[in-house]
C-alpha atoms as a PDB file:
ATOM      1  CA  MET A   1      91.584  51.875  41.189  1.00  0.00           C
ATOM      2  CA  TRP A   2      87.975  53.028  41.683  1.00  0.00           C
ATOM      3  CA  ARG A   3      88.856  56.190  39.793  1.00  0.00           C
ATOM      4  CA  ALA A   4      89.995  54.105  36.778  1.00  0.00           C
ATOM      5  CA  VAL A   5      86.811  52.046  36.879  1.00  0.00           C
ATOM      6  CA  ARG A   6      84.681  55.190  36.986  1.00  0.00           C
ATOM      7  CA  LEU A   7      86.536  56.605  33.952  1.00  0.00           C
ATOM      8  CA  THR A   8      85.999  53.349  31.994  1.00  0.00           C
ATOM      9  CA  LEU A   9      82.268  53.298  32.815  1.00  0.00           C
ATOM     10  CA  LEU A  10      81.982  56.954  31.802  1.00  0.00           C
ATOM     11  CA  SER A  11      83.651  56.227  28.415  1.00  0.00           C
ATOM     12  CA  ILE A  12      81.255  53.350  27.760  1.00  0.00           C
ATOM     13  CA  ALA A  13      78.253  55.525  28.599  1.00  0.00           C
ATOM     14  CA  ILE A  14      79.410  58.295  26.231  1.00  0.00           C
ATOM     15  CA  ALA A  15      79.933  55.808  23.387  1.00  0.00           C
ATOM     16  CA  THR A  16      76.501  54.289  23.980  1.00  0.00           C
ATOM     17  CA  VAL A  17      74.833  57.709  23.806  1.00  0.00           C
ATOM     18  CA  ALA A  18      76.707  58.538  20.581  1.00  0.00           C
ATOM     19  CA  LEU A  19      75.629  55.304  18.923  1.00  0.00           C
ATOM     20  CA  ALA A  20      72.048  55.767  20.059  1.00  0.00           C
ATOM     21  CA  GLY A  21      71.964  59.126  18.322  1.00  0.00           C
ATOM     22  CA  ARG A  22      72.729  57.606  14.919  1.00  0.00           C
ATOM     23  CA  PRO A  23      69.771  56.651  12.705  1.00  0.00           C
ATOM     24  CA  ALA A  24      69.315  52.913  12.243  1.00  0.00           C
ATOM     25  CA  PRO A  25      69.970  51.571   8.728  1.00  0.00           C
ATOM     26  CA  ALA A  26      66.774  51.791   6.684  1.00  0.00           C
ATOM     27  CA  SER A  27      65.136  48.493   5.809  1.00  0.00           C
ATOM     28  CA  PRO A  28      64.365  48.030   2.098  1.00  0.00           C
ATOM     29  CA  PRO A  29      60.701  48.391   1.096  1.00  0.00           C
ATOM     30  CA  ILE A  30      58.758  45.139   0.939  1.00  0.00           C
ATOM     31  CA  GLY A  31      59.259  43.468  -2.425  1.00  0.00           C
ATOM     32  CA  VAL A  32      62.469  45.361  -3.238  1.00  0.00           C
ATOM     33  CA  LYS A  33      65.564  43.175  -3.485  1.00  0.00           C
ATOM     34  CA  THR A  34      68.751  44.513  -1.962  1.00  0.00           C
ATOM     35  CA  GLN A  35      71.835  44.648  -4.175  1.00  0.00           C
ATOM     36  CA  PRO A  36      74.818  42.447  -3.302  1.00  0.00           C
ATOM     37  CA  PRO A  37      78.186  44.080  -2.683  1.00  0.00           C
ATOM     38  CA  LEU A  38      79.728  45.569  -5.808  1.00  0.00           C
ATOM     39  CA  ALA A  39      82.474  42.961  -5.892  1.00  0.00           C
ATOM     40  CA  LEU A  40      79.839  40.209  -5.956  1.00  0.00           C
ATOM     41  CA  ALA A  41      77.455  41.971  -8.338  1.00  0.00           C
ATOM     42  CA  ALA A  42      80.083  42.778 -10.962  1.00  0.00           C
ATOM     43  CA  VAL A  43      80.321  40.470 -13.946  1.00  0.00           C
ATOM     44  CA  ASN A  44      83.796  39.200 -14.698  1.00  0.00           C
ATOM     45  CA  PRO A  45      84.365  39.862 -18.434  1.00  0.00           C
ATOM     46  CA  ALA A  46      86.820  36.955 -18.563  1.00  0.00           C
ATOM     47  CA  ALA A  47      83.974  34.582 -17.664  1.00  0.00           C
ATOM     48  CA  ALA A  48      81.973  35.468 -20.791  1.00  0.00           C
ATOM     49  CA  GLU A  49      82.270  33.009 -23.677  1.00  0.00           C
ATOM     50  CA  ASP A  50      83.663  34.232 -26.994  1.00  0.00           C
ATOM     51  CA  VAL A  51      81.581  33.531 -30.110  1.00  0.00           C
ATOM     52  CA  ASP A  52      81.644  34.606 -33.736  1.00  0.00           C
ATOM     53  CA  LEU A  53      78.025  35.774 -33.696  1.00  0.00           C
ATOM     54  CA  ALA A  54      75.277  36.543 -31.178  1.00  0.00           C
ATOM     55  CA  LEU A  55      71.967  36.109 -33.012  1.00  0.00           C
ATOM     56  CA  VAL A  56      68.435  36.810 -31.797  1.00  0.00           C
ATOM     57  CA  LEU A  57      65.615  35.313 -33.852  1.00  0.00           C
ATOM     58  CA  VAL A  58      62.530  37.542 -33.535  1.00  0.00           C
ATOM     59  CA  SER A  59      59.451  35.796 -34.903  1.00  0.00           C
ATOM     60  CA  ASP A  60      56.005  37.223 -35.620  1.00  0.00           C
ATOM     61  CA  VAL A  61      53.193  35.114 -34.111  1.00  0.00           C
ATOM     62  CA  SER A  62      50.397  37.640 -34.644  1.00  0.00           C
ATOM     63  CA  ARG A  63      46.891  36.609 -35.705  1.00  0.00           C
ATOM     64  CA  SER A  64      47.627  37.031 -39.421  1.00  0.00           C
ATOM     65  CA  ILE A  65      49.686  33.824 -39.100  1.00  0.00           C
ATOM     66  CA  ASP A  66      47.382  30.847 -38.615  1.00  0.00           C
ATOM     67  CA  ASP A  67      48.327  27.701 -36.706  1.00  0.00           C
ATOM     68  CA  ALA A  68      49.229  25.732 -39.833  1.00  0.00           C
ATOM     69  CA  GLU A  69      51.586  28.505 -40.974  1.00  0.00           C
ATOM     70  CA  PHE A  70      53.062  28.757 -37.479  1.00  0.00           C
ATOM     71  CA  THR A  71      53.787  25.021 -37.525  1.00  0.00           C
ATOM     72  CA  LEU A  72      55.521  25.303 -40.902  1.00  0.00           C
ATOM     73  CA  GLU A  73      57.537  28.223 -39.573  1.00  0.00           C
ATOM     74  CA  LYS A  74      58.718  26.293 -36.498  1.00  0.00           C
ATOM     75  CA  GLN A  75      59.566  23.251 -38.611  1.00  0.00           C
ATOM     76  CA  GLY A  76      61.525  25.529 -40.939  1.00  0.00           C
ATOM     77  CA  TYR A  77      63.581  26.994 -38.100  1.00  0.00           C
ATOM     78  CA  ALA A  78      64.401  23.514 -36.789  1.00  0.00           C
ATOM     79  CA  ALA A  79      65.377  22.199 -40.230  1.00  0.00           C
ATOM     80  CA  ALA A  80      67.554  25.237 -40.929  1.00  0.00           C
ATOM     81  CA  PHE A  81      69.716  24.841 -37.826  1.00  0.00           C
ATOM     82  CA  VAL A  82      70.572  21.220 -38.581  1.00  0.00           C
ATOM     83  CA  ASP A  83      71.171  21.933 -42.265  1.00  0.00           C
ATOM     84  CA  PRO A  84      74.714  20.744 -43.163  1.00  0.00           C
ATOM     85  CA  ALA A  85      75.560  24.098 -44.758  1.00  0.00           C
ATOM     86  CA  VAL A  86      74.623  25.960 -41.577  1.00  0.00           C
ATOM     87  CA  VAL A  87      76.626  23.597 -39.354  1.00  0.00           C
ATOM     88  CA  ARG A  88      79.635  23.920 -41.685  1.00  0.00           C
ATOM     89  CA  ALA A  89      79.395  27.705 -41.511  1.00  0.00           C
ATOM     90  CA  ILE A  90      79.302  27.621 -37.697  1.00  0.00           C
ATOM     91  CA  ARG A  91      82.268  25.262 -37.389  1.00  0.00           C
ATOM     92  CA  GLY A  92      84.226  27.211 -39.987  1.00  0.00           C
ATOM     93  CA  GLY A  93      84.243  30.458 -38.029  1.00  0.00           C
ATOM     94  CA  LEU A  94      87.356  31.802 -36.345  1.00  0.00           C
ATOM     95  CA  LEU A  95      85.934  30.759 -32.969  1.00  0.00           C
ATOM     96  CA  GLY A  96      83.756  27.928 -34.246  1.00  0.00           C
ATOM     97  CA  ALA A  97      80.703  28.909 -32.193  1.00  0.00           C
ATOM     98  CA  ILE A  98      77.637  31.138 -32.269  1.00  0.00           C
ATOM     99  CA  ALA A  99      75.085  32.054 -29.580  1.00  0.00           C
ATOM    100  CA  VAL A 100      71.369  32.074 -30.429  1.00  0.00           C
ATOM    101  CA  SER A 101      68.169  33.110 -28.671  1.00  0.00           C
ATOM    102  CA  TYR A 102      64.575  32.882 -29.968  1.00  0.00           C
ATOM    103  CA  ILE A 103      61.850  35.465 -29.237  1.00  0.00           C
ATOM    104  CA  GLU A 104      58.172  35.567 -30.254  1.00  0.00           C
ATOM    105  CA  PHE A 105      56.045  38.703 -30.460  1.00  0.00           C
ATOM    106  CA  ALA A 106      52.507  39.748 -31.314  1.00  0.00           C
ATOM    107  CA  GLY A 107      50.880  42.934 -29.974  1.00  0.00           C
ATOM    108  CA  ASP A 108      52.376  45.566 -27.690  1.00  0.00           C
ATOM    109  CA  GLY A 109      53.247  43.907 -24.389  1.00  0.00           C
ATOM    110  CA  GLN A 110      53.148  40.463 -26.011  1.00  0.00           C
ATOM    111  CA  THR A 111      56.808  39.526 -26.236  1.00  0.00           C
ATOM    112  CA  ARG A 112      58.464  36.417 -24.846  1.00  0.00           C
ATOM    113  CA  THR A 113      61.887  34.806 -24.881  1.00  0.00           C
ATOM    114  CA  VAL A 114      60.947  31.256 -25.830  1.00  0.00           C
ATOM    115  CA  VAL A 115      64.466  29.786 -25.999  1.00  0.00           C
ATOM    116  CA  GLY A 116      67.199  31.515 -24.039  1.00  0.00           C
ATOM    117  CA  TRP A 117      70.817  31.942 -25.044  1.00  0.00           C
ATOM    118  CA  THR A 118      72.312  28.736 -26.373  1.00  0.00           C
ATOM    119  CA  ALA A 119      75.851  28.176 -27.659  1.00  0.00           C
ATOM    120  CA  ILE A 120      75.947  26.185 -30.909  1.00  0.00           C
ATOM    121  CA  ARG A 121      79.248  24.646 -32.057  1.00  0.00           C
ATOM    122  CA  ASP A 122      78.307  21.479 -33.913  1.00  0.00           C
ATOM    123  CA  LEU A 123      75.421  19.295 -35.053  1.00  0.00           C
ATOM    124  CA  PRO A 124      74.488  17.941 -31.575  1.00  0.00           C
ATOM    125  CA  SER A 125      74.249  21.432 -30.066  1.00  0.00           C
ATOM    126  CA  ALA A 126      72.377  22.681 -33.155  1.00  0.00           C
ATOM    127  CA  ARG A 127      69.926  19.791 -32.842  1.00  0.00           C
ATOM    128  CA  ALA A 128      69.439  20.466 -29.130  1.00  0.00           C
ATOM    129  CA  PHE A 129      68.515  24.077 -29.881  1.00  0.00           C
ATOM    130  CA  ALA A 130      66.183  23.006 -32.701  1.00  0.00           C
ATOM    131  CA  ASP A 131      64.461  20.507 -30.393  1.00  0.00           C
ATOM    132  CA  LEU A 132      63.853  23.156 -27.724  1.00  0.00           C
ATOM    133  CA  LEU A 133      62.421  25.520 -30.311  1.00  0.00           C
ATOM    134  CA  SER A 134      60.189  22.847 -31.844  1.00  0.00           C
ATOM    135  CA  ALA A 135      58.775  21.737 -28.497  1.00  0.00           C
ATOM    136  CA  ALA A 136      57.746  25.214 -27.345  1.00  0.00           C
ATOM    137  CA  PRO A 137      54.050  26.090 -27.753  1.00  0.00           C
ATOM    138  CA  ARG A 138      52.881  29.236 -29.479  1.00  0.00           C
ATOM    139  CA  SER A 139      53.148  32.270 -27.178  1.00  0.00           C
ATOM    140  CA  PHE A 140      50.495  34.690 -28.445  1.00  0.00           C
ATOM    141  CA  TYR A 141      47.797  35.735 -30.896  1.00  0.00           C
ATOM    142  CA  GLY A 142      47.346  39.460 -31.375  1.00  0.00           C
ATOM    143  CA  ARG A 143      48.318  42.497 -33.366  1.00  0.00           C
ATOM    144  CA  THR A 144      51.842  43.101 -34.712  1.00  0.00           C
ATOM    145  CA  ALA A 145      54.292  45.128 -32.607  1.00  0.00           C
ATOM    146  CA  ILE A 146      57.575  44.608 -34.437  1.00  0.00           C
ATOM    147  CA  GLY A 147      59.185  47.418 -32.441  1.00  0.00           C
ATOM    148  CA  ALA A 148      58.456  45.595 -29.168  1.00  0.00           C
ATOM    149  CA  GLY A 149      60.139  42.466 -30.516  1.00  0.00           C
ATOM    150  CA  ILE A 150      63.223  44.455 -31.529  1.00  0.00           C
ATOM    151  CA  ASP A 151      63.398  46.169 -28.128  1.00  0.00           C
ATOM    152  CA  LEU A 152      63.365  42.826 -26.290  1.00  0.00           C
ATOM    153  CA  ALA A 153      66.056  41.507 -28.637  1.00  0.00           C
ATOM    154  CA  VAL A 154      68.290  44.515 -27.917  1.00  0.00           C
ATOM    155  CA  GLN A 155      67.874  43.877 -24.194  1.00  0.00           C
ATOM    156  CA  ALA A 156      68.656  40.189 -24.694  1.00  0.00           C
ATOM    157  CA  LEU A 157      71.886  41.014 -26.536  1.00  0.00           C
ATOM    158  CA  ALA A 158      72.957  43.378 -23.751  1.00  0.00           C
ATOM    159  CA  GLU A 159      72.437  40.613 -21.173  1.00  0.00           C
ATOM    160  CA  SER A 160      73.618  37.619 -23.214  1.00  0.00           C
ATOM    161  CA  GLY A 161      76.805  36.840 -21.285  1.00  0.00           C
ATOM    162  CA  PHE A 162      78.652  36.236 -24.583  1.00  0.00           C
ATOM    163  CA  ASN A 163      81.459  38.228 -26.181  1.00  0.00           C
ATOM    164  CA  ALA A 164      80.385  38.315 -29.826  1.00  0.00           C
ATOM    165  CA  THR A 165      82.341  39.582 -32.810  1.00  0.00           C
ATOM    166  CA  ARG A 166      79.003  40.534 -34.403  1.00  0.00           C
ATOM    167  CA  ARG A 167      75.499  41.063 -33.006  1.00  0.00           C
ATOM    168  CA  VAL A 168      72.500  40.466 -35.262  1.00  0.00           C
ATOM    169  CA  ILE A 169      68.718  40.507 -34.892  1.00  0.00           C
ATOM    170  CA  ASP A 170      66.607  38.491 -37.349  1.00  0.00           C
ATOM    171  CA  VAL A 171      63.046  39.760 -37.731  1.00  0.00           C
ATOM    172  CA  CYS A 172      60.655  37.357 -39.433  1.00  0.00           C
ATOM    173  CA  GLY A 173      57.048  38.244 -40.224  1.00  0.00           C
ATOM    174  CA  ASP A 174      54.248  38.542 -42.760  1.00  0.00           C
ATOM    175  CA  GLY A 175      52.946  42.040 -42.036  1.00  0.00           C
ATOM    176  CA  THR A 176      53.541  45.651 -41.081  1.00  0.00           C
ATOM    177  CA  ASN A 177      53.838  47.139 -37.611  1.00  0.00           C
ATOM    178  CA  ASN A 178      50.336  48.035 -36.363  1.00  0.00           C
ATOM    179  CA  ALA A 179      50.757  48.244 -32.587  1.00  0.00           C
ATOM    180  CA  GLY A 180      53.099  49.648 -29.961  1.00  0.00           C
ATOM    181  CA  ARG A 181      56.211  51.649 -30.583  1.00  0.00           C
ATOM    182  CA  GLU A 182      57.115  52.922 -34.045  1.00  0.00           C
ATOM    183  CA  VAL A 183      59.253  50.180 -35.556  1.00  0.00           C
ATOM    184  CA  ALA A 184      61.667  52.578 -37.302  1.00  0.00           C
ATOM    185  CA  ALA A 185      62.497  54.187 -33.938  1.00  0.00           C
ATOM    186  CA  ALA A 186      63.246  50.766 -32.411  1.00  0.00           C
ATOM    187  CA  ARG A 187      65.361  49.907 -35.462  1.00  0.00           C
ATOM    188  CA  ASP A 188      67.319  53.166 -35.196  1.00  0.00           C
ATOM    189  CA  ASP A 189      68.074  52.616 -31.502  1.00  0.00           C
ATOM    190  CA  ALA A 190      69.335  49.097 -32.202  1.00  0.00           C
ATOM    191  CA  VAL A 191      71.570  50.244 -35.061  1.00  0.00           C
ATOM    192  CA  ALA A 192      72.953  53.052 -32.875  1.00  0.00           C
ATOM    193  CA  ALA A 193      73.964  50.340 -30.383  1.00  0.00           C
ATOM    194  CA  GLY A 194      76.036  48.592 -33.072  1.00  0.00           C
ATOM    195  CA  ILE A 195      73.479  45.899 -33.900  1.00  0.00           C
ATOM    196  CA  THR A 196      72.542  44.778 -37.423  1.00  0.00           C
ATOM    197  CA  ILE A 197      68.894  43.916 -38.141  1.00  0.00           C
ATOM    198  CA  ASN A 198      68.033  41.616 -41.045  1.00  0.00           C
ATOM    199  CA  GLY A 199      64.576  40.724 -42.251  1.00  0.00           C
ATOM    200  CA  LEU A 200      62.734  37.685 -43.556  1.00  0.00           C
ATOM    201  CA  ALA A 201      59.581  38.942 -45.253  1.00  0.00           C
ATOM    202  CA  ILE A 202      56.971  36.234 -45.783  1.00  0.00           C
ATOM    203  CA  VAL A 203      54.669  37.069 -48.673  1.00  0.00           C
ATOM    204  CA  ASN A 204      51.056  36.214 -47.855  1.00  0.00           C
ATOM    205  CA  ASP A 205      49.306  35.742 -51.193  1.00  0.00           C
ATOM    206  CA  HIS A 206      45.968  34.641 -49.720  1.00  0.00           C
ATOM    207  CA  PRO A 207      45.105  37.293 -47.129  1.00  0.00           C
ATOM    208  CA  VAL A 208      41.614  37.657 -45.719  1.00  0.00           C
ATOM    209  CA  SER A 209      39.958  40.997 -46.408  1.00  0.00           C
ATOM    210  CA  TRP A 210      40.665  42.538 -43.002  1.00  0.00           C
ATOM    211  CA  THR A 211      44.419  41.806 -43.230  1.00  0.00           C
ATOM    212  CA  PHE A 212      45.040  42.829 -46.839  1.00  0.00           C
ATOM    213  CA  ALA A 213      46.571  46.252 -46.136  1.00  0.00           C
ATOM    214  CA  HIS A 214      48.587  44.764 -43.273  1.00  0.00           C
ATOM    215  CA  VAL A 215      50.242  41.960 -45.229  1.00  0.00           C
ATOM    216  CA  GLN A 216      50.381  43.675 -48.615  1.00  0.00           C
ATOM    217  CA  PRO A 217      51.297  47.331 -47.961  1.00  0.00           C
ATOM    218  CA  PRO A 218      51.940  49.788 -50.820  1.00  0.00           C
ATOM    219  CA  GLY A 219      55.108  48.721 -52.617  1.00  0.00           C
ATOM    220  CA  GLY A 220      55.007  45.274 -51.011  1.00  0.00           C
ATOM    221  CA  LEU A 221      56.168  43.857 -47.710  1.00  0.00           C
ATOM    222  CA  PRO A 222      59.860  43.487 -48.718  1.00  0.00           C
ATOM    223  CA  LEU A 223      60.031  47.238 -49.400  1.00  0.00           C
ATOM    224  CA  TYR A 224      58.349  47.973 -46.084  1.00  0.00           C
ATOM    225  CA  TYR A 225      60.947  45.849 -44.281  1.00  0.00           C
ATOM    226  CA  ARG A 226      63.819  47.560 -46.097  1.00  0.00           C
ATOM    227  CA  GLU A 227      62.542  51.037 -45.236  1.00  0.00           C
ATOM    228  CA  ASN A 228      61.343  50.457 -41.680  1.00  0.00           C
ATOM    229  CA  VAL A 229      62.713  47.273 -40.105  1.00  0.00           C
ATOM    230  CA  THR A 230      66.231  46.427 -41.282  1.00  0.00           C
ATOM    231  CA  GLY A 231      69.383  48.447 -40.742  1.00  0.00           C
ATOM    232  CA  GLY A 232      73.047  48.395 -39.836  1.00  0.00           C
ATOM    233  CA  PRO A 233      76.183  47.237 -41.700  1.00  0.00           C
ATOM    234  CA  GLY A 234      75.439  44.560 -44.300  1.00  0.00           C
ATOM    235  CA  SER A 235      71.728  44.388 -43.461  1.00  0.00           C
ATOM    236  CA  PHE A 236      69.371  42.745 -45.947  1.00  0.00           C
ATOM    237  CA  VAL A 237      65.833  41.485 -46.523  1.00  0.00           C
ATOM    238  CA  LEU A 238      65.233  37.967 -47.794  1.00  0.00           C
ATOM    239  CA  VAL A 239      61.835  37.270 -49.351  1.00  0.00           C
ATOM    240  CA  VAL A 240      59.948  34.032 -48.685  1.00  0.00           C
ATOM    241  CA  GLN A 241      57.149  33.360 -51.164  1.00  0.00           C
ATOM    242  CA  ASP A 242      55.244  30.979 -48.860  1.00  0.00           C
ATOM    243  CA  PHE A 243      55.583  29.172 -45.531  1.00  0.00           C
ATOM    244  CA  HIS A 244      56.428  25.871 -47.249  1.00  0.00           C
ATOM    245  CA  SER A 245      59.778  27.286 -48.407  1.00  0.00           C
ATOM    246  CA  PHE A 246      60.518  28.922 -45.043  1.00  0.00           C
ATOM    247  CA  GLY A 247      63.129  26.372 -43.921  1.00  0.00           C
ATOM    248  CA  GLN A 248      65.119  26.639 -47.136  1.00  0.00           C
ATOM    249  CA  ALA A 249      65.114  30.432 -46.961  1.00  0.00           C
ATOM    250  CA  MET A 250      66.081  30.437 -43.285  1.00  0.00           C
ATOM    251  CA  ALA A 251      69.034  28.104 -43.914  1.00  0.00           C
ATOM    252  CA  ARG A 252      70.296  30.408 -46.655  1.00  0.00           C
ATOM    253  CA  LYS A 253      69.826  33.409 -44.369  1.00  0.00           C
ATOM    254  CA  LEU A 254      71.706  31.770 -41.493  1.00  0.00           C
ATOM    255  CA  VAL A 255      74.667  30.885 -43.710  1.00  0.00           C
ATOM    256  CA  THR A 256      74.714  34.477 -44.985  1.00  0.00           C
ATOM    257  CA  GLU A 257      74.836  35.836 -41.444  1.00  0.00           C
ATOM    258  CA  ILE A 258      77.134  33.282 -39.835  1.00  0.00           C
ATOM    259  CA  ALA A 259      79.699  33.339 -42.627  1.00  0.00           C
ATOM    260  CA  ALA A 260      79.458  37.158 -42.938  1.00  0.00           C
ATOM    261  CA  LEU A 261      78.452  36.874 -46.588  1.00  0.00           C
ATOM    262  CA  PRO A 262      77.494  39.894 -48.686  1.00  0.00           C
ATOM    263  CA  SER A 263      73.779  40.599 -48.875  1.00  0.00           C
ATOM    264  CA  PRO A 264      71.719  38.331 -51.175  1.00  0.00           C
ATOM    265  CA  PRO A 265      71.502  37.744 -54.079  1.00  0.00           C
ATOM    266  CA  LEU A 266      74.690  35.701 -53.698  1.00  0.00           C
ATOM    267  CA  ARG A 267      75.859  35.344 -57.266  1.00  0.00           C
ATOM    268  CA  GLN A 268      79.064  37.355 -57.483  1.00  0.00           C
ATOM    269  CA  LYS A 269      82.475  35.758 -57.106  1.00  0.00           C
ATOM    270  CA  VAL A 270      84.558  36.357 -54.013  1.00  0.00           C
ATOM    271  CA  ARG A 271      87.366  38.808 -54.558  1.00  0.00           C
ATOM    272  CA  PRO A 272      90.784  37.509 -53.490  1.00  0.00           C
ATOM    273  CA  GLY A 273      92.423  39.053 -50.468  1.00  0.00           C
ATOM    274  CA  PRO A 274      92.521  38.816 -46.692  1.00  0.00           C
ATOM    275  CA  SER A 275      89.315  37.659 -45.049  1.00  0.00           C
ATOM    276  CA  PRO A 276      88.090  38.026 -41.446  1.00  0.00           C
ATOM    277  CA  ILE A 277      86.406  34.608 -41.597  1.00  0.00           C
ATOM    278  CA  GLY A 278      87.803  31.095 -41.394  1.00  0.00           C
ATOM    279  CA  PRO A 279      88.786  28.879 -44.358  1.00  0.00           C
ATOM    280  CA  ALA A 280      85.710  26.666 -44.036  1.00  0.00           C
ATOM    281  CA  GLN A 281      83.451  29.715 -44.114  1.00  0.00           C
ATOM    282  CA  GLN A 282      85.262  30.992 -47.225  1.00  0.00           C
ATOM    283  CA  THR A 283      84.517  27.645 -48.894  1.00  0.00           C
ATOM    284  CA  GLU A 284      80.872  27.890 -47.819  1.00  0.00           C
ATOM    285  CA  ARG A 285      80.737  31.439 -49.166  1.00  0.00           C
ATOM    286  CA  GLN A 286      81.993  30.333 -52.602  1.00  0.00           C
ATOM    287  CA  ARG A 287      79.530  27.407 -52.649  1.00  0.00           C
ATOM    288  CA  MET A 288      76.627  29.805 -51.975  1.00  0.00           C
ATOM    289  CA  PHE A 289      77.834  32.227 -54.652  1.00  0.00           C
ATOM    290  CA  ASP A 290      78.058  29.429 -57.185  1.00  0.00           C
ATOM    291  CA  GLY A 291      74.516  28.287 -56.356  1.00  0.00           C
ATOM    292  CA  ARG A 292      75.591  24.800 -55.264  1.00  0.00           C
END
């Protein structure tokens, strides 16, 4: 009996020595969050919501845009999303929903997601998004780093949590890139990731002397946007002659993107044949082509 007890005690002692020789698990450095188990960290693709379009609005709030113009711009965004034509285009999609996020940018390092991802299916959800956008204060004043705005939008699309048939970035501004990363490089990276970038070029016809070259580059701002900012399948630049007509132009742009319309100008007739969009969107497309 005592022999058996001695053998048991000896086994316990050997196991204790073996465990003592192993290094203790390292504690994470202060400030570093530990990762949850893979099964908990993984995102279940089935949980992501399906939408016709994931759209990031990227808006220039640099110092060339004064507070009055910024207010008109925000009012224009809000009016566009509750425009009946835009709501019809959303509801007429195959899935009847889009996801939208709104970003503001100025100089390099001055980027902010003002309104996070929001699913829009009807007028109440469109109005809720418009209200959030309208209530948000201006984020920055500074130079113009369009590339930084595009980079944040690409990141936002990667982390959206939506399964989108199409992914689009809308860049809206009144001047050229004059800070941060080269905008064409940011554009090229986004297009390589399967993202389309469209532009809304706001023509500033009353620039102060120190902003003239910035807002009126050689060949004009629309040409600059076409050559440096926009890209991807079906990309286009829409020109806004002043901030007062911003809302009207934005509504037209949203219908173009949501209903997968050809690039403006929208005057040609729709050719018959199979269409990847819903019947209501086809009707909206014809209405836009006919100028009604």
